[in-house]
Amino acid sequence: MQRLRNAVRRALEAQGLLKPEAKLLSAVSGGADSVGLLWALASLRETAGYRLAALHVQHGLRGERSREDERFVRELCAALGVPLWVEEAQGLGRMDDAGVETRARAQRLALYEKTLRQAGADALLVGHHRDDQAETLLLRLLRGAGGAGLSGMRPAAPFGGGVMLRPFLDLGHADIVSALSGMGIPWREDESNARPCTPRNVLRLTVLPRLEALSPGAAERMGHTAESLAADEAYLSAQAGALYERALAPLAPLWALERPAVAGAPEALRRRALRRWYDQGAAALPSQGDERALSHADTLALSALAQSREGALRNLPLGLRARVGRMHLFLERQDGLPLLPCAAFEPLALRADASQYALWGMRVRQTRAAAGQPAPSDAFCAVVPIEVLAQRPVFRRAQKGDVMRPLGAPGGKPLRRLWTDWRVDLALRPLWCVLAAGSRVLWVPGLATAEELRATRVCPGALVLEAASSFLKNTSQGE
């Protein structure tokens, strides 16, 4: 029992929970692993002083045997002086039904989280051990998991506003059974564990014993592999997270990444950043469970797409697609609509008394011109003389029928043709704000100023407009 207590003590100390103020919740099925965990927690409680409660989830899959497990847990908790929560899982079906293991696990986790919150506990402790870890790694390997999946179960992981702790990951099931037997502590046996009725049971009953016979200590070494991969994955995930934050473009309702930053990143970081980008974008849609997840093939294709030619497309789950723009990678609906709802933009009249205007993706600062001030020479600045101000220009989104004669051009063109000349992405065109008088576009911030705003010197009283946006800097013709 001392090995079990030491394992629990280390787990609690690592989280700063070995103290009187801590509230702990222990999941107890009645099996040896959870019983050993509860006994270790109860014995440490005498010196540490934390508050301890237990939770039993009644799955009801084994009929009266399940009810006997519950009665056993009730008696055990009463003997140890541990308050007990009992929760009922619903609609799981029968023990041998397809998918019952997955459904039971999902309900169990939901009930764990619910009870953790209701109990106001800091941590939920579960009895997963080294052999469980080996089974988990093999199951995930069979599913084709990447680094995150092959990192296995974590000793500590955020859960339900607190943390889930697995103190026994360095101990085998035999170690726990030996500790309980040595002290004459009873536990319940789930007879279904002896039948190959689930993939995990097949691994436990057949595959792992063969691996241990072939290479003694295999389960322990698989645990070491998971621990090593977890350390690698934590570093790569942190680097990919930093890449994602740098590349995420402030273009709502569009969901976009700046393509050069992602395309130039190492493959390991690019894949992780793109998966995070897809996952967070898909989270804006109604939940559809596992259908949301990207397959390995989707991930590889998305990574290759980030380095593809402008205009390339890739269909993705949930009716979404990724599209390569000039400077951005867009996640959009397969009908071409933005991922997020597009808010209406009411036209903003240019006013002599204004100081700035908030447009889509940019801010425009306005000042009064000083006498003799040189006229600005790039598309991020425009000067509106008094006579043009009298025409009541407004900032609005581009619309059908707009025309413009850019500075220095021999004549005017429909704005829809100028978008093409400027290589502006299709997704951006309906959202980009322009300054217009009627159907005449006077200024497209960051791209062009109209010929009628040409001036070598600024006349007193004119308005000087300056656009500020990192997005515009990255999207302008100069790249």
Protein backbone atom coordinates (compact mmCIF):
# COMPACT_ATOMS: atom_id res chain seq x y z
CA MET A 1 0.00 0.00 0.00
CA GLN A 2 2.95 2.31 0.56
CA ARG A 3 3.69 2.36 -3.19
CA LEU A 4 0.12 3.43 -3.87
CA ARG A 5 0.25 6.15 -1.21
CA ASN A 6 3.58 7.44 -2.55
CA ALA A 7 2.21 7.62 -6.08
CA VAL A 8 -0.85 9.57 -4.91
CA ARG A 9 1.26 11.88 -2.74
CA ARG A 10 3.54 12.76 -5.67
CA ALA A 11 0.56 13.49 -7.92
CA LEU A 12 -1.07 15.78 -5.36
CA GLU A 13 2.17 17.56 -4.48
CA ALA A 14 2.84 18.27 -8.16
CA GLN A 15 -0.53 20.06 -8.37
CA GLY A 16 -0.27 21.83 -5.00
CA LEU A 17 -3.24 19.84 -3.67
CA LEU A 18 -1.69 18.12 -0.66
CA LYS A 19 -3.23 20.67 1.71
CA PRO A 20 -6.32 21.13 3.91
CA GLU A 21 -8.06 23.54 1.50
CA ALA A 22 -8.06 21.05 -1.37
CA LYS A 23 -11.27 19.27 -2.43
CA LEU A 24 -10.72 15.93 -4.17
CA LEU A 25 -13.13 13.63 -5.99
CA SER A 26 -12.16 9.99 -6.60
CA ALA A 27 -13.86 7.89 -9.28
CA VAL A 28 -14.66 4.43 -7.86
CA SER A 29 -16.02 1.57 -9.96
CA GLY A 30 -15.36 -1.10 -7.34
CA GLY A 31 -12.48 -2.69 -9.29
CA ALA A 32 -9.02 -3.15 -7.79
CA ASP A 33 -7.52 -0.03 -9.38
CA SER A 34 -10.16 2.42 -8.16
CA VAL A 35 -10.40 0.75 -4.75
CA GLY A 36 -6.62 1.02 -4.32
CA LEU A 37 -6.80 4.67 -5.27
CA LEU A 38 -9.57 5.42 -2.79
CA TRP A 39 -7.76 3.60 0.05
CA ALA A 40 -4.53 5.52 -0.67
CA LEU A 41 -6.41 8.83 -0.72
CA ALA A 42 -8.29 8.03 2.48
CA SER A 43 -5.09 7.11 4.34
CA LEU A 44 -3.26 10.27 3.19
CA ARG A 45 -6.26 12.41 4.16
CA GLU A 46 -5.44 11.83 7.85
CA THR A 47 -2.22 13.85 7.60
CA ALA A 48 -2.88 16.14 4.62
CA GLY A 49 -6.34 17.17 5.79
CA TYR A 50 -7.91 17.62 2.35
CA ARG A 51 -11.60 16.99 1.80
CA LEU A 52 -12.33 13.77 -0.08
CA ALA A 53 -15.46 12.52 -1.84
CA ALA A 54 -16.09 9.61 -4.20
CA LEU A 55 -18.11 9.17 -7.39
CA HIS A 56 -19.58 5.93 -8.73
CA VAL A 57 -21.12 5.85 -12.23
CA GLN A 58 -23.77 3.16 -12.55
CA HIS A 59 -23.70 1.97 -16.18
CA GLY A 60 -26.19 -0.85 -15.61
CA LEU A 61 -24.65 -2.95 -18.40
CA ARG A 62 -24.31 -6.12 -16.29
CA GLY A 63 -27.71 -6.21 -14.65
CA GLU A 64 -27.70 -7.28 -11.01
CA ARG A 65 -23.91 -7.55 -11.01
CA SER A 66 -23.72 -3.80 -11.71
CA ARG A 67 -26.03 -3.16 -8.74
CA GLU A 68 -23.83 -5.34 -6.56
CA ASP A 69 -20.83 -3.20 -7.58
CA GLU A 70 -22.75 -0.12 -6.48
CA ARG A 71 -23.65 -1.66 -3.10
CA PHE A 72 -20.03 -2.63 -2.58
CA VAL A 73 -18.87 0.93 -3.30
CA ARG A 74 -21.49 2.36 -0.93
CA GLU A 75 -20.30 0.08 1.86
CA LEU A 76 -16.65 0.84 1.16
CA CYS A 77 -17.19 4.61 1.24
CA ALA A 78 -19.23 4.33 4.44
CA ALA A 79 -16.43 2.31 6.08
CA LEU A 80 -13.80 4.89 5.03
CA GLY A 81 -15.97 7.88 5.95
CA VAL A 82 -15.98 9.20 2.39
CA PRO A 83 -19.11 10.98 1.02
CA LEU A 84 -20.33 9.27 -2.16
CA TRP A 85 -22.02 10.57 -5.32
CA VAL A 86 -23.79 7.99 -7.50
CA GLU A 87 -24.72 8.90 -11.09
CA GLU A 88 -26.73 6.82 -13.56
CA ALA A 89 -25.65 6.47 -17.20
CA GLN A 90 -28.57 6.33 -19.65
CA GLY A 91 -29.37 4.56 -22.92
CA LEU A 92 -26.14 2.61 -23.36
CA GLY A 93 -27.72 -0.59 -24.66
CA ARG A 94 -26.29 -4.02 -23.91
CA MET A 95 -22.75 -5.05 -23.04
CA ASP A 96 -22.11 -6.72 -26.41
CA ASP A 97 -23.67 -3.97 -28.56
CA ALA A 98 -21.40 -2.30 -31.09
CA GLY A 99 -19.96 0.97 -29.83
CA VAL A 100 -21.15 0.52 -26.25
CA GLU A 101 -17.64 1.04 -24.88
CA THR A 102 -17.35 4.40 -26.65
CA ARG A 103 -20.82 5.53 -25.53
CA ALA A 104 -20.16 4.47 -21.96
CA ARG A 105 -16.88 6.37 -21.87
CA ALA A 106 -18.51 9.53 -23.26
CA GLN A 107 -21.31 9.43 -20.67
CA ARG A 108 -18.87 8.63 -17.89
CA LEU A 109 -16.71 11.64 -18.72
CA ALA A 110 -19.78 13.88 -18.91
CA LEU A 111 -20.93 12.68 -15.48
CA TYR A 112 -17.42 13.08 -14.08
CA GLU A 113 -17.36 16.70 -15.23
CA LYS A 114 -20.87 17.42 -13.97
CA THR A 115 -20.13 16.00 -10.51
CA LEU A 116 -16.74 17.70 -10.28
CA ARG A 117 -18.46 21.04 -10.76
CA GLN A 118 -21.35 20.24 -8.42
CA ALA A 119 -18.97 19.09 -5.70
CA GLY A 120 -16.78 22.17 -6.16
CA ALA A 121 -13.76 19.85 -6.32
CA ASP A 122 -10.30 20.88 -7.48
CA ALA A 123 -9.39 17.51 -8.97
CA LEU A 124 -10.88 14.26 -10.18
CA LEU A 125 -8.64 11.23 -9.59
CA VAL A 126 -8.96 8.05 -11.65
CA GLY A 127 -7.21 4.69 -11.33
CA HIS A 128 -5.72 4.33 -14.83
CA HIS A 129 -2.41 2.46 -14.64
CA ARG A 130 0.52 1.43 -16.82
CA ASP A 131 -1.33 -1.46 -18.51
CA ASP A 132 -4.23 0.87 -19.38
CA GLN A 133 -1.69 3.22 -20.91
CA ALA A 134 -0.24 0.44 -23.08
CA GLU A 135 -3.75 -0.54 -24.26
CA THR A 136 -4.53 3.10 -25.06
CA LEU A 137 -1.35 3.49 -27.11
CA LEU A 138 -2.08 0.35 -29.12
CA LEU A 139 -5.69 1.39 -29.78
CA ARG A 140 -4.58 4.83 -30.95
CA LEU A 141 -1.80 3.35 -33.07
CA LEU A 142 -4.39 1.16 -34.80
CA ARG A 143 -6.47 4.29 -35.51
CA GLY A 144 -3.46 6.03 -37.08
CA ALA A 145 -3.01 8.65 -34.35
CA GLY A 146 -0.26 11.25 -34.55
CA GLY A 147 2.06 12.56 -31.86
CA ALA A 148 -0.72 13.91 -29.64
CA GLY A 149 -2.60 10.59 -29.62
CA LEU A 150 0.51 8.49 -29.11
CA SER A 151 1.43 10.62 -26.11
CA GLY A 152 -1.16 8.52 -24.32
CA MET A 153 -3.04 9.51 -21.20
CA ARG A 154 -1.48 12.38 -19.25
CA PRO A 155 -0.71 12.13 -15.52
CA ALA A 156 -2.46 15.50 -15.14
CA ALA A 157 -4.80 17.19 -17.60
CA PRO A 158 -7.25 20.13 -17.36
CA PHE A 159 -10.77 18.85 -16.79
CA GLY A 160 -14.11 20.45 -15.94
CA GLY A 161 -12.69 23.61 -14.43
CA GLY A 162 -10.17 21.59 -12.41
CA VAL A 163 -7.71 18.83 -13.22
CA MET A 164 -7.90 15.08 -13.86
CA LEU A 165 -5.12 13.16 -12.12
CA ARG A 166 -3.88 9.65 -12.91
CA PRO A 167 -1.43 8.85 -10.10
CA PHE A 168 -0.95 5.16 -11.05
CA LEU A 169 0.41 5.48 -14.61
CA ASP A 170 3.82 4.25 -13.41
CA LEU A 171 2.28 1.21 -11.68
CA GLY A 172 0.99 -2.00 -13.25
CA HIS A 173 -2.34 -3.61 -12.45
CA ALA A 174 -0.44 -6.42 -10.71
CA ASP A 175 1.23 -3.90 -8.38
CA ILE A 176 -2.17 -2.59 -7.28
CA VAL A 177 -3.64 -6.07 -6.81
CA SER A 178 -0.59 -7.08 -4.78
CA ALA A 179 -0.95 -4.06 -2.49
CA LEU A 180 -4.64 -4.77 -1.83
CA SER A 181 -4.09 -8.50 -1.31
CA GLY A 182 -1.28 -7.82 1.14
CA MET A 183 -3.68 -5.83 3.33
CA GLY A 184 -6.69 -8.10 2.83
CA ILE A 185 -8.69 -5.35 1.11
CA PRO A 186 -11.51 -6.73 -1.11
CA TRP A 187 -12.54 -5.43 -4.52
CA ARG A 188 -15.01 -6.35 -7.26
CA GLU A 189 -14.19 -8.22 -10.47
CA ASP A 190 -16.00 -7.24 -13.67
CA GLU A 191 -16.52 -10.60 -15.37
CA SER A 192 -16.96 -8.90 -18.76
CA ASN A 193 -13.26 -7.99 -18.64
CA ALA A 194 -12.49 -11.69 -19.15
CA ARG A 195 -14.42 -11.76 -22.46
CA PRO A 196 -13.05 -10.42 -25.78
CA CYS A 197 -16.21 -8.32 -26.29
CA THR A 198 -14.44 -4.99 -26.96
CA PRO A 199 -11.24 -4.01 -28.79
CA ARG A 200 -9.64 -3.01 -25.49
CA ASN A 201 -10.47 -6.40 -23.96
CA VAL A 202 -8.91 -8.18 -26.92
CA LEU A 203 -5.71 -6.22 -26.44
CA ARG A 204 -5.72 -6.88 -22.70
CA LEU A 205 -6.46 -10.61 -22.97
CA THR A 206 -4.52 -11.56 -26.09
CA VAL A 207 -2.17 -8.97 -27.55
CA LEU A 208 -0.46 -7.54 -24.47
CA PRO A 209 0.30 -10.97 -22.94
CA ARG A 210 1.89 -12.00 -26.26
CA LEU A 211 3.94 -8.79 -26.33
CA GLU A 212 5.07 -9.33 -22.75
CA ALA A 213 6.06 -12.90 -23.59
CA LEU A 214 7.97 -11.71 -26.63
CA SER A 215 9.59 -8.77 -24.83
CA PRO A 216 9.20 -8.71 -21.03
CA GLY A 217 8.52 -5.20 -19.75
CA ALA A 218 6.84 -4.13 -23.00
CA ALA A 219 3.99 -2.28 -21.24
CA GLU A 220 6.42 -0.35 -19.07
CA ARG A 221 8.51 0.67 -22.09
CA MET A 222 5.39 1.73 -23.96
CA GLY A 223 4.62 3.99 -21.03
CA HIS A 224 8.10 5.50 -21.30
CA THR A 225 7.53 6.04 -25.02
CA ALA A 226 4.26 7.85 -24.30
CA GLU A 227 5.99 10.05 -21.74
CA SER A 228 8.77 10.92 -24.21
CA LEU A 229 6.29 11.67 -26.98
CA ALA A 230 4.24 13.83 -24.60
CA ALA A 231 7.28 16.01 -23.91
CA ASP A 232 7.99 16.34 -27.65
CA GLU A 233 4.35 17.05 -28.41
CA ALA A 234 4.14 19.74 -25.73
CA TYR A 235 7.05 21.60 -27.32
CA LEU A 236 5.79 21.22 -30.88
CA SER A 237 2.28 22.25 -29.87
CA ALA A 238 3.59 25.38 -28.16
CA GLN A 239 5.61 26.31 -31.25
CA ALA A 240 2.66 25.59 -33.53
CA GLY A 241 0.42 27.68 -31.27
CA ALA A 242 2.78 30.63 -31.57
CA LEU A 243 2.84 30.20 -35.36
CA TYR A 244 -0.95 30.05 -35.46
CA GLU A 245 -1.34 33.23 -33.41
CA ARG A 246 1.13 35.07 -35.68
CA ALA A 247 -0.56 33.89 -38.86
CA LEU A 248 -4.23 34.32 -37.88
CA ALA A 249 -5.57 37.23 -39.91
CA PRO A 250 -8.02 39.77 -38.37
CA LEU A 251 -10.56 39.42 -41.19
CA ALA A 252 -13.85 38.34 -39.56
CA PRO A 253 -16.29 37.17 -40.89
CA LEU A 254 -13.60 35.49 -42.99
CA TRP A 255 -11.52 32.79 -41.28
CA ALA A 256 -8.05 33.17 -42.70
CA LEU A 257 -4.34 32.66 -42.13
CA GLU A 258 -1.53 34.69 -43.62
CA ARG A 259 -0.19 32.18 -46.09
CA PRO A 260 3.53 33.11 -46.22
CA ALA A 261 3.93 32.55 -42.47
CA VAL A 262 2.33 29.11 -42.64
CA ALA A 263 3.79 27.98 -45.96
CA GLY A 264 7.32 28.76 -44.83
CA ALA A 265 7.05 26.92 -41.50
CA PRO A 266 8.49 23.42 -40.88
CA GLU A 267 6.09 20.65 -41.84
CA ALA A 268 5.53 19.48 -38.23
CA LEU A 269 4.50 22.98 -37.14
CA ARG A 270 2.50 23.70 -40.29
CA ARG A 271 0.32 20.60 -39.85
CA ARG A 272 -0.39 21.37 -36.20
CA ALA A 273 -1.16 25.05 -36.86
CA LEU A 274 -3.50 24.16 -39.72
CA ARG A 275 -5.34 21.56 -37.63
CA ARG A 276 -5.83 24.13 -34.89
CA TRP A 277 -7.06 26.65 -37.47
CA TYR A 278 -9.56 24.17 -38.86
CA ASP A 279 -10.70 23.00 -35.41
CA GLN A 280 -11.33 26.52 -34.14
CA GLY A 281 -13.08 27.50 -37.35
CA ALA A 282 -15.28 24.38 -37.28
CA ALA A 283 -16.14 25.12 -33.65
CA ALA A 284 -18.22 28.06 -34.95
CA LEU A 285 -20.59 25.52 -36.53
CA PRO A 286 -23.17 23.38 -34.71
CA SER A 287 -21.45 20.44 -33.02
CA GLN A 288 -21.41 17.24 -35.06
CA GLY A 289 -19.15 15.11 -32.88
CA ASP A 290 -16.37 13.16 -34.54
CA GLU A 291 -17.49 14.31 -38.00
CA ARG A 292 -15.69 17.56 -37.26
CA ALA A 293 -12.24 15.94 -37.02
CA LEU A 294 -9.73 16.13 -39.86
CA SER A 295 -8.44 12.81 -41.14
CA HIS A 296 -4.75 12.23 -41.66
CA ALA A 297 -5.30 12.54 -45.42
CA ASP A 298 -7.11 15.88 -44.95
CA THR A 299 -4.25 17.17 -42.80
CA LEU A 300 -1.62 16.24 -45.39
CA ALA A 301 -3.69 17.78 -48.18
CA LEU A 302 -4.24 20.99 -46.20
CA SER A 303 -0.51 21.26 -45.50
CA ALA A 304 0.26 20.85 -49.21
CA LEU A 305 -2.49 23.34 -50.11
CA ALA A 306 -0.81 26.05 -48.04
CA GLN A 307 2.09 25.87 -50.49
CA SER A 308 -0.06 25.59 -53.63
CA ARG A 309 -0.90 28.06 -56.35
CA GLU A 310 -3.43 30.84 -55.87
CA GLY A 311 -7.00 29.60 -56.40
CA ALA A 312 -6.39 25.99 -55.33
CA LEU A 313 -9.22 24.37 -53.31
CA ARG A 314 -9.65 21.45 -50.93
CA ASN A 315 -13.01 20.19 -49.65
CA LEU A 316 -13.03 19.38 -45.92
CA PRO A 317 -15.50 17.82 -43.44
CA LEU A 318 -18.70 19.63 -42.36
CA GLY A 319 -19.31 21.14 -45.80
CA LEU A 320 -16.24 23.39 -45.54
CA ARG A 321 -13.36 23.99 -47.89
CA ALA A 322 -9.96 25.66 -47.82
CA ARG A 323 -9.04 28.05 -50.63
CA VAL A 324 -5.68 29.55 -51.46
CA GLY A 325 -5.70 33.30 -51.91
CA ARG A 326 -2.97 35.64 -52.95
CA MET A 327 -1.69 36.26 -49.43
CA HIS A 328 -4.14 34.24 -47.33
CA LEU A 329 -5.52 30.77 -46.84
CA PHE A 330 -9.31 30.91 -46.33
CA LEU A 331 -11.62 28.44 -44.59
CA GLU A 332 -15.10 28.91 -46.02
CA ARG A 333 -18.31 27.06 -46.77
CA GLN A 334 -18.32 24.95 -49.89
CA ASP A 335 -20.85 27.31 -51.49
CA GLY A 336 -18.24 30.09 -51.20
CA LEU A 337 -19.92 31.98 -48.34
CA PRO A 338 -17.83 33.16 -45.37
CA LEU A 339 -17.50 30.79 -42.43
CA LEU A 340 -19.03 33.31 -40.00
CA PRO A 341 -22.18 35.45 -40.39
CA CYS A 342 -21.46 38.67 -42.25
CA ALA A 343 -22.67 41.76 -40.37
CA ALA A 344 -24.15 44.61 -42.39
CA PHE A 345 -22.01 47.72 -42.81
CA GLU A 346 -23.92 51.00 -42.80
CA PRO A 347 -22.34 53.71 -44.97
CA LEU A 348 -20.35 56.35 -43.06
CA ALA A 349 -20.58 59.88 -44.42
CA LEU A 350 -17.30 61.76 -44.63
CA ARG A 351 -17.62 64.58 -42.09
CA ALA A 352 -15.38 67.58 -41.61
CA ASP A 353 -15.62 67.25 -37.80
CA ALA A 354 -14.69 63.54 -37.63
CA SER A 355 -11.32 62.31 -36.38
CA GLN A 356 -11.45 58.64 -37.44
CA TYR A 357 -13.62 56.00 -39.07
CA ALA A 358 -13.87 52.31 -38.14
CA LEU A 359 -14.15 50.28 -41.33
CA TRP A 360 -13.91 46.58 -42.03
CA GLY A 361 -10.36 45.45 -41.31
CA MET A 362 -8.96 48.95 -40.88
CA ARG A 363 -9.15 52.30 -39.19
CA VAL A 364 -8.92 55.58 -41.08
CA ARG A 365 -7.56 58.65 -39.29
CA GLN A 366 -8.68 62.07 -40.51
CA THR A 367 -6.86 65.39 -40.09
CA ARG A 368 -7.15 68.89 -41.55
CA ALA A 369 -4.52 69.79 -44.11
CA ALA A 370 -2.02 72.54 -43.40
CA ALA A 371 -1.32 75.17 -46.05
CA GLY A 372 1.33 74.07 -48.52
CA GLN A 373 1.55 70.55 -47.12
CA PRO A 374 2.84 68.08 -49.77
CA ALA A 375 0.23 65.66 -51.04
CA PRO A 376 0.67 62.03 -49.94
CA SER A 377 2.07 59.72 -52.59
CA ASP A 378 0.79 56.23 -51.67
CA ALA A 379 -2.54 54.41 -51.62
CA PHE A 380 -2.72 54.41 -47.83
CA CYS A 381 -3.35 58.18 -47.81
CA ALA A 382 -5.86 60.30 -49.67
CA VAL A 383 -6.64 64.03 -49.74
CA VAL A 384 -10.27 65.08 -50.17
CA PRO A 385 -10.55 68.73 -51.26
CA ILE A 386 -13.46 70.89 -50.17
CA GLU A 387 -15.19 70.70 -53.55
CA VAL A 388 -15.24 66.88 -53.42
CA LEU A 389 -16.42 66.94 -49.81
CA ALA A 390 -19.40 68.92 -51.09
CA GLN A 391 -20.40 65.86 -53.13
CA ARG A 392 -21.07 64.02 -49.85
CA PRO A 393 -18.76 61.00 -50.29
CA VAL A 394 -19.26 58.02 -47.99
CA PHE A 395 -17.32 55.00 -46.85
CA ARG A 396 -19.24 51.88 -47.89
CA ARG A 397 -18.70 48.43 -49.22
CA ALA A 398 -18.12 48.01 -52.93
CA GLN A 399 -21.26 47.45 -54.96
CA LYS A 400 -22.34 46.55 -58.45
CA GLY A 401 -21.85 49.37 -60.96
CA ASP A 402 -18.90 51.03 -59.17
CA VAL A 403 -16.32 52.59 -61.48
CA MET A 404 -12.94 54.19 -60.83
CA ARG A 405 -10.15 55.90 -62.68
CA PRO A 406 -7.04 55.15 -60.63
CA LEU A 407 -4.36 57.78 -60.31
CA GLY A 408 -2.37 57.94 -63.56
CA ALA A 409 -4.71 55.64 -65.50
CA PRO A 410 -5.81 56.75 -69.00
CA GLY A 411 -9.47 56.16 -68.22
CA GLY A 412 -11.99 54.61 -65.87
CA LYS A 413 -12.83 50.94 -65.37
CA PRO A 414 -15.50 48.99 -63.55
CA LEU A 415 -14.29 48.24 -60.06
CA ARG A 416 -14.93 44.52 -60.64
CA ARG A 417 -12.20 44.58 -63.32
CA LEU A 418 -9.84 46.56 -61.13
CA TRP A 419 -10.17 43.95 -58.38
CA THR A 420 -8.83 41.44 -60.89
CA ASP A 421 -6.03 43.77 -62.00
CA TRP A 422 -5.02 44.23 -58.36
CA ARG A 423 -5.30 40.45 -57.70
CA VAL A 424 -7.61 40.98 -54.76
CA ASP A 425 -8.99 37.69 -53.42
CA LEU A 426 -12.62 36.96 -54.22
CA ALA A 427 -13.40 36.58 -50.52
CA LEU A 428 -12.21 40.10 -49.75
CA ARG A 429 -14.01 42.03 -52.48
CA PRO A 430 -17.54 42.11 -50.99
CA LEU A 431 -16.15 43.27 -47.63
CA TRP A 432 -13.53 45.86 -48.59
CA CYS A 433 -14.65 49.41 -47.82
CA VAL A 434 -14.20 52.17 -50.39
CA LEU A 435 -14.73 55.94 -50.38
CA ALA A 436 -17.27 56.79 -53.06
CA ALA A 437 -19.46 59.59 -54.34
CA GLY A 438 -22.41 57.90 -55.97
CA SER A 439 -21.01 55.12 -58.15
CA ARG A 440 -17.63 56.89 -58.52
CA VAL A 441 -14.99 55.31 -56.29
CA LEU A 442 -12.56 57.94 -54.99
CA TRP A 443 -10.32 55.78 -52.82
CA VAL A 444 -9.73 52.09 -52.18
CA PRO A 445 -7.61 52.20 -49.01
CA GLY A 446 -4.32 50.43 -49.51
CA LEU A 447 -4.84 49.88 -53.23
CA ALA A 448 -5.54 53.03 -55.22
CA THR A 449 -6.58 56.70 -55.18
CA ALA A 450 -8.77 58.14 -57.93
CA GLU A 451 -7.37 60.56 -60.49
CA GLU A 452 -9.83 63.26 -59.38
CA LEU A 453 -8.07 63.39 -55.99
CA ARG A 454 -4.72 64.14 -57.64
CA ALA A 455 -2.89 67.08 -56.07
CA THR A 456 0.72 68.20 -55.75
CA ARG A 457 -0.02 70.50 -52.83
CA VAL A 458 -2.78 70.23 -50.30
CA CYS A 459 -5.17 73.16 -50.17
CA PRO A 460 -6.14 74.54 -46.75
CA GLY A 461 -9.37 72.98 -45.51
CA ALA A 462 -8.88 69.67 -47.33
CA LEU A 463 -9.23 66.45 -45.36
CA VAL A 464 -6.25 64.09 -45.14
CA LEU A 465 -7.20 60.43 -44.69
CA GLU A 466 -4.70 57.80 -43.53
CA ALA A 467 -5.54 54.08 -43.41
CA ALA A 468 -3.88 51.90 -40.76
CA SER A 469 -4.06 48.11 -40.96
CA SER A 470 -1.42 45.38 -40.94
CA PHE A 471 -3.80 43.39 -43.12
CA LEU A 472 -3.73 46.12 -45.76
CA LYS A 473 0.06 46.31 -45.62
CA ASN A 474 0.25 42.60 -46.38
CA THR A 475 -2.39 42.70 -49.12
CA SER A 476 -1.33 45.76 -51.08
CA GLN A 477 0.11 45.50 -54.55
CA GLY A 478 3.64 45.93 -53.32
CA GLU A 479 3.57 42.67 -51.27
